[in-house]
C-alpha atoms as a PDB file:
ATOM      1  CA  UNK A   1     -18.951 -66.823  63.036  1.00  0.00           C
ATOM      2  CA  UNK A   2     -18.674 -63.294  64.426  1.00  0.00           C
ATOM      3  CA  UNK A   3     -17.783 -61.428  61.643  1.00  0.00           C
ATOM      4  CA  UNK A   4     -17.485 -62.120  57.758  1.00  0.00           C
ATOM      5  CA  UNK A   5     -14.376 -60.114  56.478  1.00  0.00           C
ATOM      6  CA  UNK A   6     -13.780 -61.658  53.010  1.00  0.00           C
ATOM      7  CA  UNK A   7     -15.808 -64.181  50.690  1.00  0.00           C
ATOM      8  CA  UNK A   8     -13.910 -66.111  47.864  1.00  0.00           C
ATOM      9  CA  UNK A   9     -15.200 -68.060  44.736  1.00  0.00           C
ATOM     10  CA  UNK A  10     -13.513 -71.150  43.135  1.00  0.00           C
ATOM     11  CA  UNK A  11     -14.641 -72.950  40.207  1.00  0.00           C
ATOM     12  CA  UNK A  12     -13.308 -76.299  39.865  1.00  0.00           C
ATOM     13  CA  UNK A  13     -14.514 -78.123  36.686  1.00  0.00           C
ATOM     14  CA  UNK A  14     -18.209 -78.418  37.102  1.00  0.00           C
ATOM     15  CA  UNK A  15     -18.112 -77.332  40.646  1.00  0.00           C
ATOM     16  CA  UNK A  16     -17.847 -73.978  42.779  1.00  0.00           C
ATOM     17  CA  UNK A  17     -17.181 -73.228  46.358  1.00  0.00           C
ATOM     18  CA  UNK A  18     -17.968 -70.045  48.058  1.00  0.00           C
ATOM     19  CA  UNK A  19     -15.723 -69.377  50.847  1.00  0.00           C
ATOM     20  CA  UNK A  20     -16.573 -67.111  53.789  1.00  0.00           C
ATOM     21  CA  UNK A  21     -13.615 -65.611  56.186  1.00  0.00           C
ATOM     22  CA  UNK A  22     -14.090 -63.864  59.601  1.00  0.00           C
ATOM     23  CA  UNK A  23     -13.501 -64.474  62.861  1.00  0.00           C
ATOM     24  CA  UNK A  24     -15.856 -65.758  65.732  1.00  0.00           C
ATOM     25  CA  UNK A  25     -16.491 -64.618  68.797  1.00  0.00           C
ATOM     26  CA  UNK A  26     -13.017 -65.476  70.762  1.00  0.00           C
ATOM     27  CA  UNK A  27     -11.080 -63.284  67.391  1.00  0.00           C
ATOM     28  CA  UNK A  28     -10.071 -66.490  66.355  1.00  0.00           C
ATOM     29  CA  UNK A  29     -10.312 -67.436  62.388  1.00  0.00           C
ATOM     30  CA  UNK A  30     -13.510 -69.018  61.029  1.00  0.00           C
ATOM     31  CA  UNK A  31     -14.171 -70.313  57.886  1.00  0.00           C
ATOM     32  CA  UNK A  32     -17.817 -71.810  56.199  1.00  0.00           C
ATOM     33  CA  UNK A  33     -17.498 -73.031  52.713  1.00  0.00           C
ATOM     34  CA  UNK A  34     -20.591 -73.482  50.623  1.00  0.00           C
ATOM     35  CA  UNK A  35     -20.119 -76.007  47.583  1.00  0.00           C
ATOM     36  CA  UNK A  36     -22.186 -75.331  44.609  1.00  0.00           C
ATOM     37  CA  UNK A  37     -22.756 -77.740  41.157  1.00  0.00           C
ATOM     38  CA  UNK A  38     -22.468 -75.501  37.874  1.00  0.00           C
ATOM     39  CA  UNK A  39     -25.411 -76.520  35.957  1.00  0.00           C
ATOM     40  CA  UNK A  40     -25.645 -74.303  33.110  1.00  0.00           C
ATOM     41  CA  UNK A  41     -21.871 -73.025  32.408  1.00  0.00           C
ATOM     42  CA  UNK A  42     -22.518 -70.908  29.514  1.00  0.00           C
ATOM     43  CA  UNK A  43     -25.282 -68.752  32.115  1.00  0.00           C
ATOM     44  CA  UNK A  44     -23.228 -68.906  34.848  1.00  0.00           C
ATOM     45  CA  UNK A  45     -25.965 -70.829  36.844  1.00  0.00           C
ATOM     46  CA  UNK A  46     -25.182 -72.844  39.918  1.00  0.00           C
ATOM     47  CA  UNK A  47     -27.160 -75.140  42.616  1.00  0.00           C
ATOM     48  CA  UNK A  48     -26.403 -75.414  46.112  1.00  0.00           C
ATOM     49  CA  UNK A  49     -25.258 -79.159  47.029  1.00  0.00           C
ATOM     50  CA  UNK A  50     -26.326 -78.060  50.347  1.00  0.00           C
ATOM     51  CA  UNK A  51     -28.533 -76.038  51.831  1.00  0.00           C
ATOM     52  CA  UNK A  52     -26.996 -72.225  52.295  1.00  0.00           C
ATOM     53  CA  UNK A  53     -27.000 -71.569  56.167  1.00  0.00           C
ATOM     54  CA  UNK A  54     -29.354 -68.451  56.649  1.00  0.00           C
ATOM     55  CA  UNK A  55     -27.020 -66.594  58.278  1.00  0.00           C
ATOM     56  CA  UNK A  56     -24.694 -66.649  55.465  1.00  0.00           C
ATOM     57  CA  UNK A  57     -27.365 -66.438  52.487  1.00  0.00           C
ATOM     58  CA  UNK A  58     -26.947 -62.908  51.791  1.00  0.00           C
ATOM     59  CA  UNK A  59     -22.768 -62.906  51.782  1.00  0.00           C
ATOM     60  CA  UNK A  60     -22.706 -66.184  49.591  1.00  0.00           C
ATOM     61  CA  UNK A  61     -25.870 -64.145  46.903  1.00  0.00           C
ATOM     62  CA  UNK A  62     -23.805 -61.429  47.200  1.00  0.00           C
ATOM     63  CA  UNK A  63     -20.330 -63.173  45.840  1.00  0.00           C
ATOM     64  CA  UNK A  64     -22.055 -65.070  43.369  1.00  0.00           C
ATOM     65  CA  UNK A  65     -23.376 -62.376  41.725  1.00  0.00           C
ATOM     66  CA  UNK A  66     -20.049 -60.307  41.975  1.00  0.00           C
ATOM     67  CA  UNK A  67     -18.107 -63.200  40.066  1.00  0.00           C
ATOM     68  CA  UNK A  68     -21.305 -63.038  37.545  1.00  0.00           C
ATOM     69  CA  UNK A  69     -22.975 -66.585  38.854  1.00  0.00           C
ATOM     70  CA  UNK A  70     -26.567 -66.687  39.834  1.00  0.00           C
ATOM     71  CA  UNK A  71     -28.984 -69.309  41.894  1.00  0.00           C
ATOM     72  CA  UNK A  72     -31.087 -71.532  39.696  1.00  0.00           C
ATOM     73  CA  UNK A  73     -33.512 -73.888  40.747  1.00  0.00           C
ATOM     74  CA  UNK A  74     -33.220 -73.475  44.628  1.00  0.00           C
ATOM     75  CA  UNK A  75     -36.555 -74.073  45.272  1.00  0.00           C
ATOM     76  CA  UNK A  76     -37.368 -76.776  42.972  1.00  0.00           C
END
């Protein structure tokens, strides 16, 4: 994705999705979705279900933080 223009966070039960929306190098709509498991609901701690693409880590972490979630045990 060339440019990220919007991020959204959706919670479904014990799962969380961070969706990045933007444009690709041709100006077409592009999306990237990262799935998380909510491991500590009271604390808002989530664990990624897959590796977060390096180029989107900042966007994902910002979206989580702005929605009162935090990454837990990412490297453990």
